Amino acid sequence: MADTSSESYSQPQKNLFAHQFQNATAAASSSSESKRDESATTTKTPSGVVLDKDGKPCRTCTSAAAWKNLTKQAKAIPSSTPASTRQPPKECPPDVEELGRSTWTLLHSMSATYPEKANTEQQSEMRGFLKLLSKLYPCWVCADDFRTWMAEPSGKNEPKLGGRKEFGNWMCEAHNEVNRKLGKKEFDCRLWEERWRTGWKDGRCD
């Protein structure tokens, strides 16, 4: 999207909620080390590859470029284009960036169609959905980060579910938290409805 106010939303998202890949990799490696045969020869994990809780590479936590380096597919593709800029075919399993973009689209669309004034049942259902998402999201380190962020001790990050306006703003702020951690430009949350519900006033979405 050309409009600079929505630039951070059009850029590839590395994950749902930002985390330190190296820390996650180290933690996963540490927790699984006791399961490994000490006499086995270990292979150095390429930079950017995140390990799952079982110590194996986590595809949905890793970028496509890093995964190609892991599987050495990059060398098998004769191209002058750097591996980091090549996109995998659409029929391939999603990497952490594609998964993140798709998830943000879903979440913002859910906030855009949320009731203008939500009743108790609707608030409870959405709260339950977000809680489950923070546990079941395919990228486990992303899920952990989302859960930790929502559970901030002061309570300031708890979902605001009274109605569409406050929920949409809460979702926008959650997305901006990721943008800040990734060093990306923050989105102007005053414009979230134009971006995700009504379309831009200049008519580009009509």
N, C-alpha and C. Protein backbone atom coordinates (compact mmCIF):
# COMPACT_ATOMS: atom_id res chain seq x y z
N MET A 1 0.84 -1.18 0.00
CA MET A 1 0.00 0.00 0.00
C MET A 1 0.88 1.23 0.00
N ALA A 2 0.59 2.14 -0.90
CA ALA A 2 1.46 3.29 -1.08
C ALA A 2 1.39 4.28 0.06
N ASP A 3 0.24 4.41 0.68
CA ASP A 3 0.08 5.40 1.74
C ASP A 3 1.03 5.11 2.88
N THR A 4 1.83 6.10 3.28
CA THR A 4 2.86 5.89 4.32
C THR A 4 2.26 5.61 5.67
N SER A 5 1.01 6.03 5.90
CA SER A 5 0.41 5.82 7.21
C SER A 5 0.15 4.37 7.48
N SER A 6 0.08 3.55 6.42
CA SER A 6 -0.16 2.12 6.61
C SER A 6 1.04 1.29 6.21
N GLU A 7 2.19 1.96 6.08
CA GLU A 7 3.40 1.29 5.61
C GLU A 7 3.77 0.08 6.44
N SER A 8 3.70 0.21 7.75
CA SER A 8 4.13 -0.88 8.62
C SER A 8 3.23 -2.09 8.50
N TYR A 9 2.00 -1.89 8.03
CA TYR A 9 1.07 -3.01 7.89
C TYR A 9 1.29 -3.75 6.58
N SER A 10 1.89 -3.06 5.59
CA SER A 10 2.10 -3.70 4.31
C SER A 10 3.44 -4.40 4.23
N GLN A 11 4.31 -4.11 5.17
CA GLN A 11 5.60 -4.76 5.20
C GLN A 11 5.45 -6.17 5.77
N PRO A 12 6.30 -7.11 5.34
CA PRO A 12 6.24 -8.48 5.88
C PRO A 12 6.44 -8.48 7.37
N GLN A 13 5.57 -9.19 8.09
CA GLN A 13 5.72 -9.34 9.53
C GLN A 13 6.50 -10.62 9.82
N LYS A 14 7.50 -10.54 10.65
CA LYS A 14 8.32 -11.70 10.91
C LYS A 14 7.62 -12.72 11.79
N ASN A 15 6.69 -12.29 12.57
CA ASN A 15 5.99 -13.21 13.45
C ASN A 15 4.80 -12.49 14.06
N LEU A 16 3.99 -13.22 14.77
CA LEU A 16 2.80 -12.62 15.35
C LEU A 16 3.16 -11.59 16.39
N PHE A 17 3.86 -11.98 17.41
CA PHE A 17 4.35 -11.04 18.41
C PHE A 17 5.84 -11.26 18.55
N ALA A 18 6.59 -10.15 18.46
CA ALA A 18 8.03 -10.22 18.32
C ALA A 18 8.71 -10.95 19.46
N HIS A 19 9.81 -11.62 19.13
CA HIS A 19 10.59 -12.32 20.13
C HIS A 19 12.03 -12.36 19.66
N GLN A 20 12.92 -12.71 20.53
CA GLN A 20 14.32 -12.82 20.18
C GLN A 20 14.60 -14.24 19.71
N PHE A 21 14.83 -14.40 18.39
CA PHE A 21 15.03 -15.72 17.84
C PHE A 21 16.20 -16.46 18.48
N GLN A 22 17.27 -15.72 18.73
CA GLN A 22 18.44 -16.38 19.30
C GLN A 22 18.15 -16.91 20.69
N ASN A 23 17.43 -16.12 21.50
CA ASN A 23 17.09 -16.57 22.84
C ASN A 23 16.18 -17.79 22.80
N ALA A 24 15.22 -17.76 21.88
CA ALA A 24 14.29 -18.88 21.76
C ALA A 24 15.04 -20.13 21.32
N THR A 25 15.97 -19.95 20.39
CA THR A 25 16.73 -21.09 19.91
C THR A 25 17.57 -21.68 21.04
N ALA A 26 18.19 -20.79 21.83
CA ALA A 26 19.02 -21.27 22.92
C ALA A 26 18.18 -22.00 23.96
N ALA A 27 17.01 -21.46 24.25
CA ALA A 27 16.14 -22.07 25.25
C ALA A 27 15.67 -23.44 24.80
N ALA A 28 15.28 -23.54 23.52
CA ALA A 28 14.81 -24.81 23.01
C ALA A 28 15.94 -25.83 22.98
N SER A 29 17.13 -25.35 22.62
CA SER A 29 18.28 -26.25 22.57
C SER A 29 18.60 -26.78 23.96
N SER A 30 18.55 -25.88 24.95
CA SER A 30 18.87 -26.26 26.32
C SER A 30 17.89 -27.29 26.86
N SER A 31 16.58 -27.06 26.59
CA SER A 31 15.56 -27.96 27.13
C SER A 31 15.60 -29.34 26.50
N SER A 32 16.15 -29.42 25.29
CA SER A 32 16.16 -30.70 24.59
C SER A 32 17.51 -31.40 24.65
N GLU A 33 18.52 -30.72 25.22
CA GLU A 33 19.87 -31.26 25.20
C GLU A 33 19.97 -32.59 25.94
N SER A 34 19.21 -32.70 27.02
CA SER A 34 19.28 -33.92 27.81
C SER A 34 18.75 -35.12 27.04
N LYS A 35 17.96 -34.87 25.98
CA LYS A 35 17.38 -35.96 25.22
C LYS A 35 18.32 -36.45 24.13
N ARG A 36 19.35 -35.69 23.87
CA ARG A 36 20.24 -36.04 22.77
C ARG A 36 21.35 -36.99 23.23
N ASP A 37 21.81 -37.76 22.30
CA ASP A 37 22.92 -38.67 22.56
C ASP A 37 24.20 -37.84 22.58
N GLU A 38 24.89 -37.86 23.69
CA GLU A 38 26.09 -37.04 23.83
C GLU A 38 27.17 -37.42 22.84
N SER A 39 27.12 -38.64 22.37
CA SER A 39 28.15 -39.09 21.43
C SER A 39 27.81 -38.73 19.99
N ALA A 40 26.57 -38.23 19.78
CA ALA A 40 26.14 -37.91 18.42
C ALA A 40 26.84 -36.64 17.95
N THR A 41 27.08 -36.57 16.67
CA THR A 41 27.70 -35.39 16.09
C THR A 41 26.63 -34.34 15.84
N THR A 42 26.82 -33.15 16.39
CA THR A 42 25.82 -32.11 16.23
C THR A 42 26.16 -31.22 15.04
N THR A 43 25.12 -30.76 14.37
CA THR A 43 25.28 -29.88 13.22
C THR A 43 24.90 -28.47 13.62
N LYS A 44 25.70 -27.52 13.25
CA LYS A 44 25.43 -26.14 13.61
C LYS A 44 24.16 -25.66 12.94
N THR A 45 23.28 -25.07 13.72
CA THR A 45 22.02 -24.57 13.19
C THR A 45 22.26 -23.23 12.50
N PRO A 46 21.81 -23.08 11.24
CA PRO A 46 22.01 -21.81 10.52
C PRO A 46 21.38 -20.64 11.25
N SER A 47 21.94 -19.48 11.06
CA SER A 47 21.42 -18.26 11.68
C SER A 47 19.97 -18.03 11.28
N GLY A 48 19.13 -17.67 12.26
CA GLY A 48 17.74 -17.37 11.97
C GLY A 48 16.80 -18.54 12.11
N VAL A 49 17.33 -19.75 12.24
CA VAL A 49 16.48 -20.93 12.39
C VAL A 49 16.11 -21.09 13.86
N VAL A 50 14.81 -21.17 14.12
CA VAL A 50 14.32 -21.34 15.49
C VAL A 50 13.96 -22.80 15.72
N LEU A 51 14.37 -23.32 16.86
CA LEU A 51 14.09 -24.71 17.19
C LEU A 51 12.75 -24.85 17.90
N ASP A 52 12.09 -25.96 17.65
CA ASP A 52 10.84 -26.26 18.35
C ASP A 52 11.18 -26.76 19.75
N LYS A 53 10.16 -27.03 20.56
CA LYS A 53 10.40 -27.47 21.93
C LYS A 53 11.07 -28.83 22.00
N ASP A 54 10.97 -29.60 20.90
CA ASP A 54 11.62 -30.91 20.87
C ASP A 54 13.05 -30.83 20.36
N GLY A 55 13.52 -29.62 20.11
CA GLY A 55 14.89 -29.43 19.65
C GLY A 55 15.08 -29.49 18.15
N LYS A 56 14.01 -29.76 17.41
CA LYS A 56 14.08 -29.82 15.95
C LYS A 56 13.70 -28.46 15.37
N PRO A 57 14.16 -28.16 14.15
CA PRO A 57 13.84 -26.87 13.54
C PRO A 57 12.33 -26.66 13.42
N CYS A 58 11.88 -25.48 13.79
CA CYS A 58 10.46 -25.13 13.73
C CYS A 58 10.20 -24.35 12.46
N ARG A 59 9.51 -24.96 11.51
CA ARG A 59 9.30 -24.32 10.21
C ARG A 59 8.44 -23.06 10.31
N THR A 60 7.39 -23.11 11.12
CA THR A 60 6.50 -21.96 11.23
C THR A 60 7.06 -20.85 12.12
N CYS A 61 8.24 -21.08 12.71
CA CYS A 61 8.90 -20.05 13.52
C CYS A 61 10.08 -19.44 12.77
N THR A 62 10.33 -19.92 11.55
CA THR A 62 11.53 -19.57 10.82
C THR A 62 11.19 -18.94 9.47
N SER A 63 11.99 -17.97 9.05
CA SER A 63 11.74 -17.32 7.75
C SER A 63 12.07 -18.28 6.62
N ALA A 64 11.50 -18.01 5.45
CA ALA A 64 11.73 -18.87 4.29
C ALA A 64 13.20 -18.90 3.91
N ALA A 65 13.86 -17.74 4.00
CA ALA A 65 15.28 -17.67 3.64
C ALA A 65 16.13 -18.54 4.56
N ALA A 66 15.86 -18.44 5.87
CA ALA A 66 16.63 -19.24 6.82
C ALA A 66 16.35 -20.73 6.64
N TRP A 67 15.09 -21.05 6.31
CA TRP A 67 14.76 -22.46 6.09
C TRP A 67 15.47 -23.01 4.86
N LYS A 68 15.58 -22.19 3.81
CA LYS A 68 16.29 -22.62 2.60
C LYS A 68 17.76 -22.89 2.92
N ASN A 69 18.34 -22.05 3.76
CA ASN A 69 19.73 -22.28 4.15
C ASN A 69 19.85 -23.58 4.93
N LEU A 70 18.87 -23.86 5.76
CA LEU A 70 18.90 -25.08 6.55
C LEU A 70 18.83 -26.31 5.65
N THR A 71 17.94 -26.29 4.69
CA THR A 71 17.74 -27.45 3.81
C THR A 71 18.63 -27.43 2.58
N LYS A 72 19.42 -26.36 2.48
CA LYS A 72 20.37 -26.19 1.36
C LYS A 72 19.66 -26.12 0.02
N GLN A 73 18.41 -25.67 0.04
CA GLN A 73 17.66 -25.53 -1.19
C GLN A 73 18.15 -24.33 -2.00
N ALA A 74 18.68 -23.34 -1.29
CA ALA A 74 19.12 -22.13 -1.97
C ALA A 74 20.20 -22.44 -3.01
N LYS A 75 21.10 -23.38 -2.66
CA LYS A 75 22.17 -23.75 -3.57
C LYS A 75 21.65 -24.49 -4.79
N ALA A 76 20.49 -25.13 -4.65
CA ALA A 76 19.93 -25.93 -5.73
C ALA A 76 19.15 -25.09 -6.72
N ILE A 77 18.91 -23.82 -6.39
CA ILE A 77 18.14 -22.96 -7.26
C ILE A 77 19.08 -21.99 -7.97
N PRO A 78 19.34 -22.21 -9.27
CA PRO A 78 20.24 -21.32 -10.00
C PRO A 78 19.58 -19.97 -10.23
N SER A 79 19.98 -18.99 -9.46
CA SER A 79 19.39 -17.66 -9.58
C SER A 79 20.36 -16.63 -9.06
N SER A 80 20.34 -15.46 -9.69
CA SER A 80 21.20 -14.37 -9.24
C SER A 80 20.54 -13.59 -8.12
N THR A 81 19.27 -13.91 -7.82
CA THR A 81 18.54 -13.22 -6.76
C THR A 81 18.94 -13.79 -5.41
N PRO A 82 19.31 -12.95 -4.45
CA PRO A 82 19.70 -13.44 -3.12
C PRO A 82 18.58 -14.26 -2.49
N ALA A 83 18.95 -15.31 -1.74
CA ALA A 83 17.95 -16.18 -1.13
C ALA A 83 17.02 -15.41 -0.21
N SER A 84 17.53 -14.36 0.43
CA SER A 84 16.72 -13.62 1.40
C SER A 84 15.59 -12.85 0.74
N THR A 85 15.68 -12.61 -0.60
CA THR A 85 14.63 -11.86 -1.28
C THR A 85 13.70 -12.75 -2.09
N ARG A 86 14.04 -14.04 -2.24
CA ARG A 86 13.18 -14.95 -2.99
C ARG A 86 12.02 -15.41 -2.14
N GLN A 87 10.86 -15.54 -2.73
CA GLN A 87 9.68 -16.01 -2.03
C GLN A 87 9.41 -17.46 -2.44
N PRO A 88 9.01 -18.31 -1.48
CA PRO A 88 8.70 -19.69 -1.81
C PRO A 88 7.41 -19.76 -2.61
N PRO A 89 7.21 -20.81 -3.40
CA PRO A 89 5.96 -20.96 -4.14
C PRO A 89 4.77 -20.93 -3.20
N LYS A 90 3.63 -20.48 -3.71
CA LYS A 90 2.45 -20.32 -2.86
C LYS A 90 1.97 -21.62 -2.25
N GLU A 91 2.27 -22.75 -2.91
CA GLU A 91 1.76 -24.02 -2.39
C GLU A 91 2.63 -24.63 -1.29
N CYS A 92 3.67 -23.90 -0.87
CA CYS A 92 4.55 -24.39 0.20
C CYS A 92 3.98 -24.02 1.57
N PRO A 93 4.37 -24.79 2.61
CA PRO A 93 3.94 -24.44 3.97
C PRO A 93 4.37 -23.01 4.29
N PRO A 94 3.57 -22.26 5.06
CA PRO A 94 3.92 -20.87 5.36
C PRO A 94 5.13 -20.77 6.27
N ASP A 95 5.95 -19.75 6.03
CA ASP A 95 7.03 -19.46 6.96
C ASP A 95 6.51 -18.49 8.00
N VAL A 96 7.35 -18.07 8.91
CA VAL A 96 6.91 -17.22 10.02
C VAL A 96 6.38 -15.86 9.54
N GLU A 97 6.91 -15.36 8.43
CA GLU A 97 6.48 -14.06 7.92
C GLU A 97 5.10 -14.15 7.27
N GLU A 98 4.90 -15.14 6.42
CA GLU A 98 3.59 -15.31 5.78
C GLU A 98 2.52 -15.61 6.82
N LEU A 99 2.88 -16.44 7.79
CA LEU A 99 1.94 -16.78 8.86
C LEU A 99 1.55 -15.52 9.64
N GLY A 100 2.53 -14.67 9.92
CA GLY A 100 2.27 -13.44 10.65
C GLY A 100 1.37 -12.48 9.87
N ARG A 101 1.65 -12.31 8.58
CA ARG A 101 0.82 -11.42 7.76
C ARG A 101 -0.62 -11.91 7.71
N SER A 102 -0.79 -13.20 7.52
CA SER A 102 -2.14 -13.76 7.44
C SER A 102 -2.88 -13.62 8.76
N THR A 103 -2.17 -13.82 9.85
CA THR A 103 -2.79 -13.73 11.17
C THR A 103 -3.22 -12.30 11.47
N TRP A 104 -2.37 -11.33 11.14
CA TRP A 104 -2.75 -9.94 11.37
C TRP A 104 -3.98 -9.57 10.54
N THR A 105 -4.05 -10.06 9.32
CA THR A 105 -5.22 -9.79 8.49
C THR A 105 -6.48 -10.33 9.15
N LEU A 106 -6.40 -11.55 9.67
CA LEU A 106 -7.54 -12.14 10.35
C LEU A 106 -7.92 -11.34 11.60
N LEU A 107 -6.94 -11.03 12.44
CA LEU A 107 -7.22 -10.34 13.70
C LEU A 107 -7.80 -8.95 13.49
N HIS A 108 -7.23 -8.19 12.57
CA HIS A 108 -7.76 -6.85 12.32
C HIS A 108 -9.16 -6.92 11.70
N SER A 109 -9.39 -7.91 10.86
CA SER A 109 -10.71 -8.08 10.26
C SER A 109 -11.74 -8.46 11.32
N MET A 110 -11.32 -9.26 12.29
CA MET A 110 -12.21 -9.62 13.39
C MET A 110 -12.57 -8.39 14.22
N SER A 111 -11.61 -7.53 14.47
CA SER A 111 -11.90 -6.32 15.23
C SER A 111 -12.80 -5.38 14.43
N ALA A 112 -12.62 -5.36 13.11
CA ALA A 112 -13.43 -4.48 12.26
C ALA A 112 -14.89 -4.93 12.18
N THR A 113 -15.14 -6.22 12.37
CA THR A 113 -16.51 -6.74 12.31
C THR A 113 -17.08 -7.06 13.69
N TYR A 114 -16.34 -6.68 14.72
CA TYR A 114 -16.78 -6.89 16.09
C TYR A 114 -17.99 -5.97 16.36
N PRO A 115 -18.93 -6.38 17.20
CA PRO A 115 -20.10 -5.54 17.48
C PRO A 115 -19.73 -4.14 17.96
N GLU A 116 -20.50 -3.17 17.53
CA GLU A 116 -20.26 -1.79 17.96
C GLU A 116 -20.31 -1.69 19.48
N LYS A 117 -21.22 -2.47 20.06
CA LYS A 117 -21.29 -2.58 21.51
C LYS A 117 -21.49 -4.06 21.82
N ALA A 118 -20.47 -4.70 22.38
CA ALA A 118 -20.51 -6.14 22.61
C ALA A 118 -21.18 -6.50 23.93
N ASN A 119 -22.02 -7.55 23.89
CA ASN A 119 -22.65 -8.00 25.13
C ASN A 119 -21.69 -8.92 25.89
N THR A 120 -22.10 -9.36 27.03
CA THR A 120 -21.24 -10.18 27.89
C THR A 120 -20.79 -11.46 27.20
N GLU A 121 -21.70 -12.10 26.49
CA GLU A 121 -21.36 -13.37 25.81
C GLU A 121 -20.34 -13.13 24.71
N GLN A 122 -20.53 -12.09 23.94
CA GLN A 122 -19.60 -11.78 22.84
C GLN A 122 -18.22 -11.44 23.37
N GLN A 123 -18.16 -10.72 24.46
CA GLN A 123 -16.87 -10.39 25.06
C GLN A 123 -16.18 -11.65 25.58
N SER A 124 -16.96 -12.53 26.19
CA SER A 124 -16.41 -13.77 26.73
C SER A 124 -15.86 -14.66 25.61
N GLU A 125 -16.60 -14.73 24.50
CA GLU A 125 -16.15 -15.55 23.37
C GLU A 125 -14.86 -15.02 22.76
N MET A 126 -14.77 -13.70 22.60
CA MET A 126 -13.56 -13.13 22.03
C MET A 126 -12.38 -13.28 22.98
N ARG A 127 -12.62 -13.10 24.26
CA ARG A 127 -11.55 -13.28 25.25
C ARG A 127 -11.04 -14.72 25.21
N GLY A 128 -11.98 -15.66 25.09
CA GLY A 128 -11.60 -17.07 25.00
C GLY A 128 -10.81 -17.36 23.74
N PHE A 129 -11.20 -16.75 22.63
CA PHE A 129 -10.48 -16.94 21.36
C PHE A 129 -9.04 -16.45 21.48
N LEU A 130 -8.86 -15.26 22.02
CA LEU A 130 -7.52 -14.70 22.15
C LEU A 130 -6.66 -15.53 23.10
N LYS A 131 -7.28 -16.05 24.14
CA LYS A 131 -6.54 -16.89 25.08
C LYS A 131 -6.08 -18.18 24.40
N LEU A 132 -6.98 -18.78 23.62
CA LEU A 132 -6.61 -20.01 22.90
C LEU A 132 -5.56 -19.72 21.82
N LEU A 133 -5.71 -18.59 21.14
CA LEU A 133 -4.73 -18.23 20.11
C LEU A 133 -3.34 -18.13 20.71
N SER A 134 -3.25 -17.57 21.91
CA SER A 134 -1.95 -17.41 22.56
C SER A 134 -1.35 -18.74 23.01
N LYS A 135 -2.14 -19.80 22.94
CA LYS A 135 -1.64 -21.13 23.30
C LYS A 135 -1.43 -22.02 22.07
N LEU A 136 -2.27 -21.83 21.04
CA LEU A 136 -2.28 -22.74 19.90
C LEU A 136 -1.63 -22.19 18.64
N TYR A 137 -1.20 -20.94 18.66
CA TYR A 137 -0.58 -20.36 17.47
C TYR A 137 0.59 -21.23 17.02
N PRO A 138 0.70 -21.52 15.72
CA PRO A 138 1.71 -22.47 15.23
C PRO A 138 3.16 -22.16 15.57
N CYS A 139 3.50 -20.87 15.67
CA CYS A 139 4.86 -20.50 16.08
C CYS A 139 4.86 -20.40 17.60
N TRP A 140 5.47 -21.35 18.27
CA TRP A 140 5.35 -21.43 19.73
C TRP A 140 5.97 -20.26 20.46
N VAL A 141 7.09 -19.74 19.95
CA VAL A 141 7.72 -18.60 20.61
C VAL A 141 6.87 -17.34 20.43
N CYS A 142 6.21 -17.24 19.28
CA CYS A 142 5.31 -16.10 19.04
C CYS A 142 4.12 -16.19 20.00
N ALA A 143 3.58 -17.39 20.16
CA ALA A 143 2.45 -17.60 21.05
C ALA A 143 2.83 -17.25 22.49
N ASP A 144 4.00 -17.69 22.92
CA ASP A 144 4.47 -17.38 24.27
C ASP A 144 4.59 -15.88 24.48
N ASP A 145 5.10 -15.18 23.46
CA ASP A 145 5.30 -13.75 23.57
C ASP A 145 3.96 -13.01 23.66
N PHE A 146 2.98 -13.45 22.87
CA PHE A 146 1.65 -12.85 22.90
C PHE A 146 1.00 -13.05 24.27
N ARG A 147 1.13 -14.26 24.78
CA ARG A 147 0.54 -14.59 26.09
C ARG A 147 1.19 -13.75 27.20
N THR A 148 2.49 -13.62 27.13
CA THR A 148 3.21 -12.83 28.13
C THR A 148 2.83 -11.36 28.05
N TRP A 149 2.70 -10.85 26.83
CA TRP A 149 2.34 -9.45 26.63
C TRP A 149 0.96 -9.16 27.19
N MET A 150 -0.01 -10.02 26.92
CA MET A 150 -1.37 -9.81 27.41
C MET A 150 -1.45 -9.90 28.94
N ALA A 151 -0.55 -10.71 29.53
CA ALA A 151 -0.58 -10.93 30.98
C ALA A 151 0.31 -9.95 31.75
N GLU A 152 0.68 -8.83 31.13
CA GLU A 152 1.51 -7.84 31.79
C GLU A 152 0.90 -7.50 33.16
N PRO A 153 1.69 -7.57 34.24
CA PRO A 153 1.18 -7.43 35.62
C PRO A 153 0.26 -6.24 35.88
N SER A 154 0.50 -5.12 35.24
CA SER A 154 -0.33 -3.94 35.49
C SER A 154 -1.73 -4.08 34.90
N GLY A 155 -1.89 -5.04 33.99
CA GLY A 155 -3.19 -5.24 33.36
C GLY A 155 -3.45 -4.33 32.17
N LYS A 156 -2.47 -3.50 31.82
CA LYS A 156 -2.68 -2.53 30.75
C LYS A 156 -2.85 -3.17 29.37
N ASN A 157 -2.38 -4.41 29.21
CA ASN A 157 -2.46 -5.05 27.90
C ASN A 157 -3.60 -6.06 27.78
N GLU A 158 -4.44 -6.13 28.77
CA GLU A 158 -5.59 -7.03 28.69
C GLU A 158 -6.49 -6.59 27.54
N PRO A 159 -7.09 -7.53 26.80
CA PRO A 159 -7.97 -7.18 25.68
C PRO A 159 -9.09 -6.23 26.11
N LYS A 160 -9.30 -5.19 25.31
CA LYS A 160 -10.38 -4.23 25.54
C LYS A 160 -11.54 -4.64 24.64
N LEU A 161 -12.58 -5.19 25.21
CA LEU A 161 -13.61 -5.87 24.42
C LEU A 161 -15.02 -5.28 24.57
N GLY A 162 -15.13 -4.08 25.10
CA GLY A 162 -16.45 -3.49 25.28
C GLY A 162 -17.19 -3.22 23.98
N GLY A 163 -16.44 -2.93 22.94
CA GLY A 163 -17.06 -2.64 21.65
C GLY A 163 -16.02 -2.52 20.56
N ARG A 164 -16.49 -2.32 19.33
CA ARG A 164 -15.61 -2.30 18.16
C ARG A 164 -14.50 -1.26 18.26
N LYS A 165 -14.83 -0.06 18.68
CA LYS A 165 -13.84 1.01 18.70
C LYS A 165 -12.67 0.68 19.63
N GLU A 166 -12.96 0.28 20.85
CA GLU A 166 -11.87 0.01 21.79
C GLU A 166 -11.13 -1.27 21.46
N PHE A 167 -11.84 -2.26 20.91
CA PHE A 167 -11.16 -3.50 20.52
C PHE A 167 -10.25 -3.26 19.32
N GLY A 168 -10.74 -2.46 18.35
CA GLY A 168 -9.91 -2.14 17.19
C GLY A 168 -8.66 -1.38 17.58
N ASN A 169 -8.81 -0.45 18.50
CA ASN A 169 -7.65 0.31 18.98
C ASN A 169 -6.68 -0.59 19.73
N TRP A 170 -7.22 -1.50 20.54
CA TRP A 170 -6.37 -2.44 21.29
C TRP A 170 -5.57 -3.31 20.32
N MET A 171 -6.23 -3.79 19.26
CA MET A 171 -5.55 -4.63 18.29
C MET A 171 -4.46 -3.85 17.56
N CYS A 172 -4.76 -2.60 17.26
CA CYS A 172 -3.78 -1.74 16.60
C CYS A 172 -2.55 -1.53 17.49
N GLU A 173 -2.80 -1.31 18.78
CA GLU A 173 -1.69 -1.12 19.71
C GLU A 173 -0.87 -2.40 19.87
N ALA A 174 -1.56 -3.55 19.83
CA ALA A 174 -0.85 -4.83 19.91
C ALA A 174 0.08 -4.98 18.70
N HIS A 175 -0.42 -4.59 17.53
CA HIS A 175 0.38 -4.66 16.30
C HIS A 175 1.56 -3.69 16.37
N ASN A 176 1.30 -2.51 16.91
CA ASN A 176 2.38 -1.52 17.04
C ASN A 176 3.46 -1.98 18.01
N GLU A 177 3.08 -2.77 19.00
CA GLU A 177 4.08 -3.32 19.91
C GLU A 177 5.08 -4.17 19.15
N VAL A 178 4.56 -4.93 18.19
CA VAL A 178 5.43 -5.74 17.33
C VAL A 178 6.29 -4.83 16.46
N ASN A 179 5.67 -3.80 15.88
CA ASN A 179 6.43 -2.89 15.03
C ASN A 179 7.58 -2.24 15.79
N ARG A 180 7.34 -1.86 17.03
CA ARG A 180 8.40 -1.25 17.84
C ARG A 180 9.54 -2.23 18.07
N LYS A 181 9.18 -3.47 18.40
CA LYS A 181 10.22 -4.47 18.67
C LYS A 181 11.03 -4.80 17.43
N LEU A 182 10.40 -4.69 16.27
CA LEU A 182 11.09 -5.00 15.02
C LEU A 182 11.75 -3.77 14.39
N GLY A 183 11.60 -2.63 15.07
CA GLY A 183 12.20 -1.41 14.54
C GLY A 183 11.47 -0.85 13.34
N LYS A 184 10.18 -1.14 13.22
CA LYS A 184 9.39 -0.67 12.09
C LYS A 184 8.56 0.55 12.49
N LYS A 185 8.12 1.27 11.49
CA LYS A 185 7.30 2.45 11.73
C LYS A 185 5.96 2.04 12.31
N GLU A 186 5.51 2.78 13.32
CA GLU A 186 4.22 2.49 13.94
C GLU A 186 3.08 3.01 13.07
N PHE A 187 1.94 2.33 13.17
CA PHE A 187 0.76 2.72 12.42
C PHE A 187 -0.05 3.72 13.26
N ASP A 188 -0.62 4.71 12.60
CA ASP A 188 -1.46 5.70 13.28
C ASP A 188 -2.80 5.06 13.59
N CYS A 189 -3.02 4.72 14.86
CA CYS A 189 -4.22 3.98 15.23
C CYS A 189 -5.51 4.77 15.05
N ARG A 190 -5.41 6.05 14.82
CA ARG A 190 -6.61 6.83 14.51
C ARG A 190 -7.19 6.43 13.16
N LEU A 191 -6.38 5.75 12.35
CA LEU A 191 -6.79 5.38 10.99
C LEU A 191 -7.13 3.90 10.85
N TRP A 192 -7.22 3.18 11.96
CA TRP A 192 -7.39 1.73 11.86
C TRP A 192 -8.69 1.34 11.15
N GLU A 193 -9.77 2.11 11.35
CA GLU A 193 -11.02 1.75 10.70
C GLU A 193 -10.96 1.93 9.19
N GLU A 194 -10.28 2.98 8.73
CA GLU A 194 -10.11 3.18 7.29
C GLU A 194 -9.31 2.03 6.69
N ARG A 195 -8.29 1.59 7.41
CA ARG A 195 -7.42 0.53 6.89
C ARG A 195 -8.12 -0.82 6.88
N TRP A 196 -8.93 -1.11 7.92
CA TRP A 196 -9.44 -2.46 8.07
C TRP A 196 -10.96 -2.61 7.99
N ARG A 197 -11.71 -1.49 7.99
CA ARG A 197 -13.16 -1.64 7.98
C ARG A 197 -13.85 -0.91 6.83
N THR A 198 -13.64 0.40 6.74
CA THR A 198 -14.38 1.19 5.76
C THR A 198 -13.66 1.37 4.43
N GLY A 199 -12.35 1.27 4.44
CA GLY A 199 -11.56 1.60 3.25
C GLY A 199 -11.11 3.04 3.32
N TRP A 200 -10.03 3.36 2.61
CA TRP A 200 -9.45 4.70 2.66
C TRP A 200 -10.36 5.74 2.02
N LYS A 201 -10.35 6.93 2.60
CA LYS A 201 -11.23 8.00 2.14
C LYS A 201 -10.91 8.48 0.72
N ASP A 202 -9.70 8.19 0.24
CA ASP A 202 -9.35 8.64 -1.11
C ASP A 202 -9.95 7.74 -2.20
N GLY A 203 -10.67 6.70 -1.76
CA GLY A 203 -11.38 5.85 -2.70
C GLY A 203 -10.58 4.73 -3.34
N ARG A 204 -9.35 4.54 -2.91
CA ARG A 204 -8.51 3.52 -3.54
C ARG A 204 -9.04 2.10 -3.36
N CYS A 205 -9.89 1.92 -2.37
CA CYS A 205 -10.42 0.57 -2.09
C CYS A 205 -11.79 0.34 -2.73
N ASP A 206 -12.33 1.37 -3.39
CA ASP A 206 -13.66 1.25 -3.98
C ASP A 206 -13.60 0.60 -5.37
